[in-house]
Every structure is written in structure tokens, then in C-alpha cells.
Amino acid sequence: MLPCYLADARANLTRLFPPDPAMAIELWLLTHRDLRHTARIRAFLDFMALALAGERARLEGRDRAVRAAAPALVSTR
């Protein structure tokens, strides 16, 4: 099995089954309690949260249109 965000980007791969809900995981952005209000850490966490939210459909395997737009994410070597 390959994650949808990797496999869907490859035109030569075919999805045989829909994403398996049992394989879903949560993604957490964590930092040390003492650093969570530091400007650079807060900026990074805010940036990552926004970037990941924008890719949610692709990461969850709900955006199959990514094939045409995404660069190859898996090495062919």
C-alpha cells in the first residue's frame, strides 16, 4: 500500500480500492510548552497548519485530480 498523496500523483499507478479508513491517522503539530508562544515557533506552526489544511483532500485521498498538477513525488530509480 502507498499513501494516496504519493500514489495518486503517479499516472502509471491505478488505485484498486478506496482509501481504507482503518489506515487513517491524526496529524499533530507539537512543540515544547515553553516555546509555544515564541514568535518563530508560532509562525512556523501557523504556516504548517494552513499549508496542511490546504492539502487536506490530497492527503486524505479525496483529490484524484492531483495527477495532472503534481510533480512526481516518488523516485523511479
C-alpha atoms as a PDB file:
ATOM      1  CA  MET A   1       0.000   0.000   0.000  1.00  0.00           C
ATOM      2  CA  LEU A   2       1.084   3.539  -0.742  1.00  0.00           C
ATOM      3  CA  PRO A   3      -0.308   6.707   0.786  1.00  0.00           C
ATOM      4  CA  CYS A   4      -2.790   8.371  -1.596  1.00  0.00           C
ATOM      5  CA  TYR A   5      -0.764  11.594  -1.706  1.00  0.00           C
ATOM      6  CA  LEU A   6       2.155   9.640  -3.191  1.00  0.00           C
ATOM      7  CA  ALA A   7       0.374   7.165  -5.424  1.00  0.00           C
ATOM      8  CA  ASP A   8      -2.272   9.500  -6.868  1.00  0.00           C
ATOM      9  CA  ALA A   9       0.489  11.728  -8.229  1.00  0.00           C
ATOM     10  CA  ARG A  10       1.766   8.886 -10.423  1.00  0.00           C
ATOM     11  CA  ALA A  11      -0.070   8.442 -13.721  1.00  0.00           C
ATOM     12  CA  ASN A  12       1.284   4.893 -14.096  1.00  0.00           C
ATOM     13  CA  LEU A  13      -0.368   3.682 -10.865  1.00  0.00           C
ATOM     14  CA  THR A  14      -4.011   2.709 -10.532  1.00  0.00           C
ATOM     15  CA  ARG A  15      -5.960   2.823  -7.306  1.00  0.00           C
ATOM     16  CA  LEU A  16      -7.653  -0.551  -6.802  1.00  0.00           C
ATOM     17  CA  PHE A  17      -9.679   0.278  -3.708  1.00  0.00           C
ATOM     18  CA  PRO A  18     -10.896   3.441  -1.998  1.00  0.00           C
ATOM     19  CA  PRO A  19      -8.832   4.722   0.957  1.00  0.00           C
ATOM     20  CA  ASP A  20      -9.137   2.408   3.963  1.00  0.00           C
ATOM     21  CA  PRO A  21     -10.465   4.350   6.989  1.00  0.00           C
ATOM     22  CA  ALA A  22      -8.588   1.939   9.270  1.00  0.00           C
ATOM     23  CA  MET A  23      -5.322   3.315   7.853  1.00  0.00           C
ATOM     24  CA  ALA A  24      -6.194   6.946   8.701  1.00  0.00           C
ATOM     25  CA  ILE A  25      -4.119   8.680  11.331  1.00  0.00           C
ATOM     26  CA  GLU A  26      -4.250  12.045  13.042  1.00  0.00           C
ATOM     27  CA  LEU A  27      -1.546  14.597  12.426  1.00  0.00           C
ATOM     28  CA  TRP A  28      -0.433  16.743  15.340  1.00  0.00           C
ATOM     29  CA  LEU A  29       1.879  19.748  15.349  1.00  0.00           C
ATOM     30  CA  LEU A  30       3.620  19.805  18.696  1.00  0.00           C
ATOM     31  CA  THR A  31       6.142  21.988  20.430  1.00  0.00           C
ATOM     32  CA  HIS A  32       7.565  22.281  23.898  1.00  0.00           C
ATOM     33  CA  ARG A  33       5.289  24.129  26.306  1.00  0.00           C
ATOM     34  CA  ASP A  34       7.942  26.806  26.940  1.00  0.00           C
ATOM     35  CA  LEU A  35       8.295  27.575  23.218  1.00  0.00           C
ATOM     36  CA  ARG A  36       4.685  27.649  22.007  1.00  0.00           C
ATOM     37  CA  HIS A  37       4.428  31.458  22.291  1.00  0.00           C
ATOM     38  CA  THR A  38       7.838  32.169  20.740  1.00  0.00           C
ATOM     39  CA  ALA A  39       7.290  34.215  17.575  1.00  0.00           C
ATOM     40  CA  ARG A  40       9.292  31.993  15.216  1.00  0.00           C
ATOM     41  CA  ILE A  41       7.713  28.788  16.566  1.00  0.00           C
ATOM     42  CA  ARG A  42       4.211  30.291  16.410  1.00  0.00           C
ATOM     43  CA  ALA A  43       4.860  31.487  12.840  1.00  0.00           C
ATOM     44  CA  PHE A  44       6.033  28.022  11.805  1.00  0.00           C
ATOM     45  CA  LEU A  45       3.083  26.244  13.435  1.00  0.00           C
ATOM     46  CA  ASP A  46       0.608  28.681  11.880  1.00  0.00           C
ATOM     47  CA  PHE A  47       2.254  28.256   8.463  1.00  0.00           C
ATOM     48  CA  MET A  48       2.208  24.450   8.695  1.00  0.00           C
ATOM     49  CA  ALA A  49      -1.410  24.353   9.897  1.00  0.00           C
ATOM     50  CA  LEU A  50      -2.505  26.489   6.950  1.00  0.00           C
ATOM     51  CA  ALA A  51      -0.390  24.549   4.435  1.00  0.00           C
ATOM     52  CA  LEU A  52      -1.658  21.177   5.664  1.00  0.00           C
ATOM     53  CA  ALA A  53      -5.275  22.383   5.697  1.00  0.00           C
ATOM     54  CA  GLY A  54      -4.847  23.370   2.044  1.00  0.00           C
ATOM     55  CA  GLU A  55      -3.649  19.855   1.201  1.00  0.00           C
ATOM     56  CA  ARG A  56      -6.225  18.006   3.286  1.00  0.00           C
ATOM     57  CA  ALA A  57      -8.173  16.481   0.382  1.00  0.00           C
ATOM     58  CA  ARG A  58      -4.967  15.248  -1.262  1.00  0.00           C
ATOM     59  CA  LEU A  59      -3.590  13.828   1.992  1.00  0.00           C
ATOM     60  CA  GLU A  60      -6.879  12.060   2.705  1.00  0.00           C
ATOM     61  CA  GLY A  61      -7.067  10.594  -0.803  1.00  0.00           C
ATOM     62  CA  ARG A  62     -10.141  12.600  -1.809  1.00  0.00           C
ATOM     63  CA  ASP A  63      -8.465  14.665  -4.549  1.00  0.00           C
ATOM     64  CA  ARG A  64      -7.637  12.456  -7.511  1.00  0.00           C
ATOM     65  CA  ALA A  65      -7.182  15.478  -9.824  1.00  0.00           C
ATOM     66  CA  VAL A  66      -3.721  15.916  -8.337  1.00  0.00           C
ATOM     67  CA  ARG A  67      -2.278  13.566 -11.004  1.00  0.00           C
ATOM     68  CA  ALA A  68      -2.141  16.210 -13.685  1.00  0.00           C
ATOM     69  CA  ALA A  69      -0.852  19.017 -11.494  1.00  0.00           C
ATOM     70  CA  ALA A  70       1.562  17.372  -9.050  1.00  0.00           C
ATOM     71  CA  PRO A  71       5.196  16.611  -9.817  1.00  0.00           C
ATOM     72  CA  ALA A  72       6.377  13.045  -9.396  1.00  0.00           C
ATOM     73  CA  LEU A  73       6.790  12.535  -5.668  1.00  0.00           C
ATOM     74  CA  VAL A  74       8.208   9.024  -5.840  1.00  0.00           C
ATOM     75  CA  SER A  75      11.620   8.285  -7.276  1.00  0.00           C
ATOM     76  CA  THR A  76      11.639   5.963 -10.285  1.00  0.00           C
ATOM     77  CA  ARG A  77      15.166   4.765  -9.627  1.00  0.00           C
END
